[in-house]
N, C-alpha and C. Protein backbone atom coordinates (compact mmCIF):
# COMPACT_ATOMS: atom_id res chain seq x y z
N UNK A 1 27.88 -10.70 -17.74
CA UNK A 1 26.95 -9.82 -18.27
C UNK A 1 25.63 -10.13 -17.69
N UNK A 2 25.24 -11.47 -17.72
CA UNK A 2 23.80 -11.89 -17.18
C UNK A 2 23.75 -11.56 -15.81
N UNK A 3 24.73 -11.56 -14.96
CA UNK A 3 24.65 -11.21 -13.60
C UNK A 3 24.53 -9.60 -13.30
N UNK A 4 24.95 -8.82 -14.19
CA UNK A 4 24.54 -7.52 -14.10
C UNK A 4 23.12 -7.09 -14.19
N UNK A 5 22.70 -7.92 -15.30
CA UNK A 5 21.27 -7.79 -15.82
C UNK A 5 20.38 -8.21 -14.52
N UNK A 6 20.68 -9.37 -13.87
CA UNK A 6 19.77 -9.80 -12.68
C UNK A 6 19.69 -8.86 -11.77
N UNK A 7 20.94 -8.25 -11.34
CA UNK A 7 20.97 -7.21 -10.21
C UNK A 7 20.18 -6.07 -10.50
N UNK A 8 20.21 -5.48 -11.89
CA UNK A 8 19.25 -4.30 -12.17
C UNK A 8 17.86 -4.68 -11.93
N UNK A 9 17.48 -5.88 -12.52
CA UNK A 9 15.89 -6.22 -12.42
C UNK A 9 15.54 -6.26 -10.88
N UNK A 10 16.54 -6.78 -9.95
CA UNK A 10 16.25 -6.79 -8.58
C UNK A 10 16.07 -5.42 -8.10
N UNK A 11 17.05 -4.63 -8.47
CA UNK A 11 16.88 -3.24 -8.04
C UNK A 11 15.59 -2.44 -8.39
N UNK A 12 15.14 -2.62 -9.53
CA UNK A 12 13.90 -1.98 -10.03
C UNK A 12 12.77 -2.55 -9.17
N UNK A 13 12.83 -3.92 -8.90
CA UNK A 13 11.70 -4.43 -8.22
C UNK A 13 11.56 -4.08 -6.69
N UNK A 14 12.77 -3.77 -6.20
CA UNK A 14 12.79 -3.27 -4.72
C UNK A 14 12.27 -1.79 -4.80
N UNK A 15 12.54 -0.99 -5.81
CA UNK A 15 12.21 0.39 -5.97
C UNK A 15 10.68 0.43 -5.88
N UNK A 16 10.26 -0.47 -6.88
CA UNK A 16 8.72 -0.51 -6.91
C UNK A 16 7.86 -0.86 -5.63
N UNK A 17 8.59 -1.95 -4.99
CA UNK A 17 8.09 -2.08 -3.52
C UNK A 17 8.17 -1.09 -2.61
N UNK A 18 9.28 -0.27 -2.58
CA UNK A 18 9.38 0.83 -1.88
C UNK A 18 8.44 1.86 -2.11
N UNK A 19 8.09 2.28 -3.39
CA UNK A 19 7.27 3.25 -3.57
C UNK A 19 5.76 2.88 -3.33
N UNK A 20 5.52 1.61 -3.48
CA UNK A 20 4.24 1.24 -3.09
C UNK A 20 3.94 1.21 -1.49
N UNK A 21 5.08 1.09 -0.70
CA UNK A 21 4.88 1.22 0.65
C UNK A 21 4.66 2.64 0.97
N UNK A 22 5.40 3.47 0.37
CA UNK A 22 5.05 4.98 0.60
C UNK A 22 3.59 5.22 0.22
N UNK A 23 3.00 4.89 -0.70
CA UNK A 23 1.74 5.17 -1.00
C UNK A 23 0.86 4.64 -0.24
N UNK A 24 0.97 3.34 0.32
CA UNK A 24 0.08 2.68 1.22
C UNK A 24 -0.07 3.44 2.63
N UNK A 25 1.38 4.01 2.99
CA UNK A 25 1.57 4.87 4.16
C UNK A 25 0.71 6.17 4.13
N UNK A 26 0.80 6.75 2.96
CA UNK A 26 -0.08 8.03 2.71
C UNK A 26 -1.53 7.64 2.86
N UNK A 27 -1.88 6.57 2.16
CA UNK A 27 -3.25 6.15 2.06
C UNK A 27 -3.83 5.88 3.55
N UNK A 28 -2.96 5.49 4.40
CA UNK A 28 -3.37 4.94 5.71
C UNK A 28 -3.52 6.32 6.48
N UNK A 29 -2.62 7.32 6.42
CA UNK A 29 -2.72 8.54 6.96
C UNK A 29 -4.05 9.12 6.72
N UNK A 30 -4.44 9.03 5.29
CA UNK A 30 -5.62 9.74 4.79
C UNK A 30 -6.81 8.95 5.44
N UNK A 31 -6.71 7.78 5.47
CA UNK A 31 -7.86 6.90 5.99
C UNK A 31 -8.17 7.21 7.52
N UNK A 32 -7.05 7.38 8.24
CA UNK A 32 -6.87 7.70 9.65
C UNK A 32 -7.72 9.01 9.73
N UNK A 33 -7.43 10.00 9.15
CA UNK A 33 -8.03 11.28 9.01
C UNK A 33 -9.54 11.36 8.83
N UNK A 34 -9.79 10.60 7.79
CA UNK A 34 -11.15 10.40 7.41
C UNK A 34 -12.12 9.68 8.36
N UNK A 35 -11.43 8.63 9.08
CA UNK A 35 -12.01 8.03 10.20
C UNK A 35 -12.36 8.86 11.28
N UNK A 36 -11.61 9.94 11.54
CA UNK A 36 -11.74 10.83 12.69
C UNK A 36 -13.02 11.56 12.38
N UNK A 37 -13.36 11.95 11.14
CA UNK A 37 -14.46 12.78 10.73
C UNK A 37 -15.85 11.87 10.46
N UNK A 38 -15.69 10.76 9.72
CA UNK A 38 -16.90 10.15 9.48
C UNK A 38 -16.67 8.62 10.00
N UNK A 39 -16.86 8.42 11.23
CA UNK A 39 -16.55 6.96 11.81
C UNK A 39 -17.45 5.88 11.25
N UNK A 40 -18.66 6.10 11.10
CA UNK A 40 -19.46 4.97 10.66
C UNK A 40 -19.18 4.70 9.16
N UNK A 41 -19.07 5.63 8.22
CA UNK A 41 -18.66 5.14 6.82
C UNK A 41 -17.26 4.61 6.78
N UNK A 42 -16.25 5.13 7.62
CA UNK A 42 -15.00 4.69 7.80
C UNK A 42 -14.89 3.18 8.10
N UNK A 43 -15.70 2.93 9.17
CA UNK A 43 -15.77 1.38 9.65
C UNK A 43 -16.24 0.44 8.32
N UNK A 44 -17.35 0.89 7.64
CA UNK A 44 -17.71 -0.02 6.79
C UNK A 44 -16.65 -0.09 5.47
N UNK A 45 -16.06 1.05 5.10
CA UNK A 45 -14.98 0.90 4.14
C UNK A 45 -13.90 -0.02 4.67
N UNK A 46 -13.67 0.01 5.95
CA UNK A 46 -12.47 -0.64 6.58
C UNK A 46 -12.90 -2.22 6.35
N UNK A 47 -14.10 -2.55 6.62
CA UNK A 47 -14.63 -3.86 6.50
C UNK A 47 -14.44 -4.41 5.03
N UNK A 48 -14.62 -3.52 4.16
CA UNK A 48 -14.54 -3.95 2.71
C UNK A 48 -13.06 -4.13 2.39
N UNK A 49 -12.39 -3.10 2.90
CA UNK A 49 -10.79 -3.34 2.84
C UNK A 49 -10.14 -4.61 3.29
N UNK A 50 -10.67 -4.86 4.53
CA UNK A 50 -10.21 -6.27 5.04
C UNK A 50 -10.66 -7.32 4.27
N UNK A 51 -11.82 -7.26 3.77
CA UNK A 51 -12.29 -8.51 3.02
C UNK A 51 -11.32 -8.75 1.81
N UNK A 52 -11.17 -7.53 1.03
CA UNK A 52 -10.35 -7.52 -0.29
C UNK A 52 -8.90 -7.92 0.08
N UNK A 53 -8.28 -7.46 1.22
CA UNK A 53 -7.05 -7.94 1.64
C UNK A 53 -7.00 -9.35 1.94
N UNK A 54 -8.11 -9.97 2.52
CA UNK A 54 -8.16 -11.28 2.81
C UNK A 54 -8.10 -12.25 1.78
N UNK A 55 -8.98 -11.90 0.61
CA UNK A 55 -9.15 -12.73 -0.55
C UNK A 55 -7.73 -12.97 -1.44
């Protein structure tokens, strides 16, 4: 019984990771579209995002 519970937890964790990948993909598409229109502001936001990702 304990083995079955463990695989269930693993499955839900992988689902969470998968959905977050989808969200980040959509966000990157939006950021790319935004960068095409407002390059200077987008560059500044990108710098902030990189700093946040690095910490």
